[in-house]
Protein backbone atom coordinates (compact mmCIF):
# COMPACT_ATOMS: atom_id res chain seq x y z
CA MET A 1 13.95 -68.24 -30.88
CA LYS A 2 11.57 -66.20 -28.79
CA ASN A 3 11.78 -68.00 -25.47
CA VAL A 4 13.72 -70.54 -23.48
CA SER A 5 11.27 -73.30 -24.35
CA ASP A 6 12.11 -72.78 -28.03
CA ILE A 7 15.78 -73.33 -27.22
CA ILE A 8 15.12 -76.44 -25.15
CA ALA A 9 12.88 -77.80 -27.92
CA LEU A 10 15.92 -77.90 -30.22
CA TRP A 11 16.91 -81.11 -28.43
CA GLY A 12 13.61 -82.76 -29.32
CA LYS A 13 13.22 -84.68 -26.07
CA THR A 14 13.44 -83.41 -22.52
CA SER A 15 15.64 -86.37 -21.59
CA ASP A 16 18.16 -85.46 -24.33
CA PHE A 17 18.28 -81.87 -23.09
CA ALA A 18 18.70 -83.00 -19.46
CA ASP A 19 21.51 -85.40 -20.43
CA ALA A 20 23.29 -82.70 -22.44
CA LEU A 21 23.29 -80.36 -19.44
CA GLY A 22 23.96 -83.03 -16.84
CA VAL A 23 20.77 -82.37 -14.88
CA GLU A 24 17.95 -84.61 -13.75
CA TYR A 25 14.97 -85.09 -16.06
CA MET A 26 12.60 -83.40 -13.59
CA THR A 27 14.91 -80.39 -13.33
CA ALA A 28 14.80 -79.95 -17.10
CA HIS A 29 11.04 -80.50 -17.05
CA GLN A 30 10.61 -77.71 -14.48
CA TRP A 31 12.75 -75.37 -16.58
CA ILE A 32 10.49 -76.07 -19.54
CA ARG A 33 7.37 -75.52 -17.44
CA ARG A 34 8.74 -72.24 -16.09
CA ASN A 35 10.18 -71.28 -19.49
CA ARG A 36 13.39 -70.44 -17.66
CA VAL A 37 16.89 -71.83 -17.27
CA PRO A 38 18.70 -70.48 -14.19
CA PRO A 39 21.61 -68.20 -15.16
CA GLU A 40 24.13 -70.48 -13.45
CA HIS A 41 23.34 -73.08 -16.15
CA TRP A 42 23.58 -70.75 -19.14
CA SER A 43 27.22 -71.50 -19.87
CA GLY A 44 26.54 -75.24 -19.96
CA LEU A 45 23.48 -74.72 -22.12
CA VAL A 46 25.45 -72.61 -24.61
CA LYS A 47 28.25 -75.20 -24.80
CA ALA A 48 25.80 -78.09 -25.22
CA ALA A 49 23.85 -76.18 -27.89
CA ASN A 50 26.99 -75.26 -29.81
CA ARG A 51 28.20 -78.88 -29.73
CA ARG A 52 24.95 -79.81 -31.50
CA GLY A 53 25.29 -76.99 -34.02
CA PHE A 54 22.63 -74.72 -32.47
CA HIS A 55 23.45 -71.02 -32.35
CA VAL A 56 22.71 -70.08 -28.74
CA THR A 57 24.61 -67.46 -26.75
CA GLU A 58 24.48 -66.15 -23.21
CA ALA A 59 23.54 -62.80 -24.73
CA LEU A 60 20.51 -64.41 -26.37
CA LEU A 61 19.49 -66.00 -23.07
CA ALA A 62 19.89 -62.66 -21.29
CA GLN A 63 17.81 -60.93 -23.98
CA ILE A 64 15.03 -63.53 -23.70
CA THR A 65 15.07 -63.34 -19.90
CA ALA A 66 14.89 -59.54 -19.94
CA ALA A 67 11.95 -59.62 -22.36
CA GLN A 68 10.14 -62.11 -20.14
CA LYS A 69 10.72 -59.93 -17.07
CA ARG A 70 9.40 -56.85 -18.89
CA LYS A 71 6.29 -58.79 -19.87
CA VAL A 72 5.68 -59.98 -16.31
CA LEU A 73 6.15 -56.46 -14.92
CA ALA A 74 3.79 -54.98 -17.52
CA GLU A 75 1.13 -57.57 -16.69
CA LYS A 76 1.56 -56.89 -12.97
CA ALA A 77 1.26 -53.13 -13.50
CA LYS A 78 -1.87 -53.65 -15.58
CA ARG A 79 -3.48 -55.78 -12.86
CA GLU A 80 -2.58 -53.24 -10.18
CA GLY A 81 -4.01 -50.46 -12.31
CA GLN A 82 -7.25 -52.40 -12.73
CA ARG A 83 -7.47 -52.98 -8.97
CA ARG A 84 -6.96 -49.28 -8.25
CA SER A 85 -9.64 -48.42 -10.79
CA VAL A 86 -12.13 -50.82 -9.17
CA SER A 87 -11.26 -49.46 -5.73
CA ARG A 88 -11.87 -45.86 -6.89
CA GLU A 89 -15.17 -46.91 -8.46
CA ARG A 90 -16.27 -48.54 -5.18
CA GLN A 91 -15.30 -45.43 -3.25
CA ALA A 92 -17.28 -43.24 -5.64
CA VAL A 93 -20.36 -45.45 -5.38
CA SER A 94 -20.25 -45.51 -1.57
CA ALA A 95 -19.74 -41.73 -1.30
């Protein structure tokens, strides 16, 4: 499992996942859309997954979350680097 959406997909239907965690359907839907389950729900997710025979741990969720954060930060740094490059190019042209 590479991301939170993969874990949620183990339930097959969003409504089944929402019921298992005791949250509203739209809450579960937003988690899927964001590819993120808030950490305060990890324990419930792990228990619900284990009841269904899925091997999910809080450590796995933390690992996935950390990888997603690294990816977001790398993309942000890349965009900022591109903006700085364009800004330097504009300064050079106007000089």
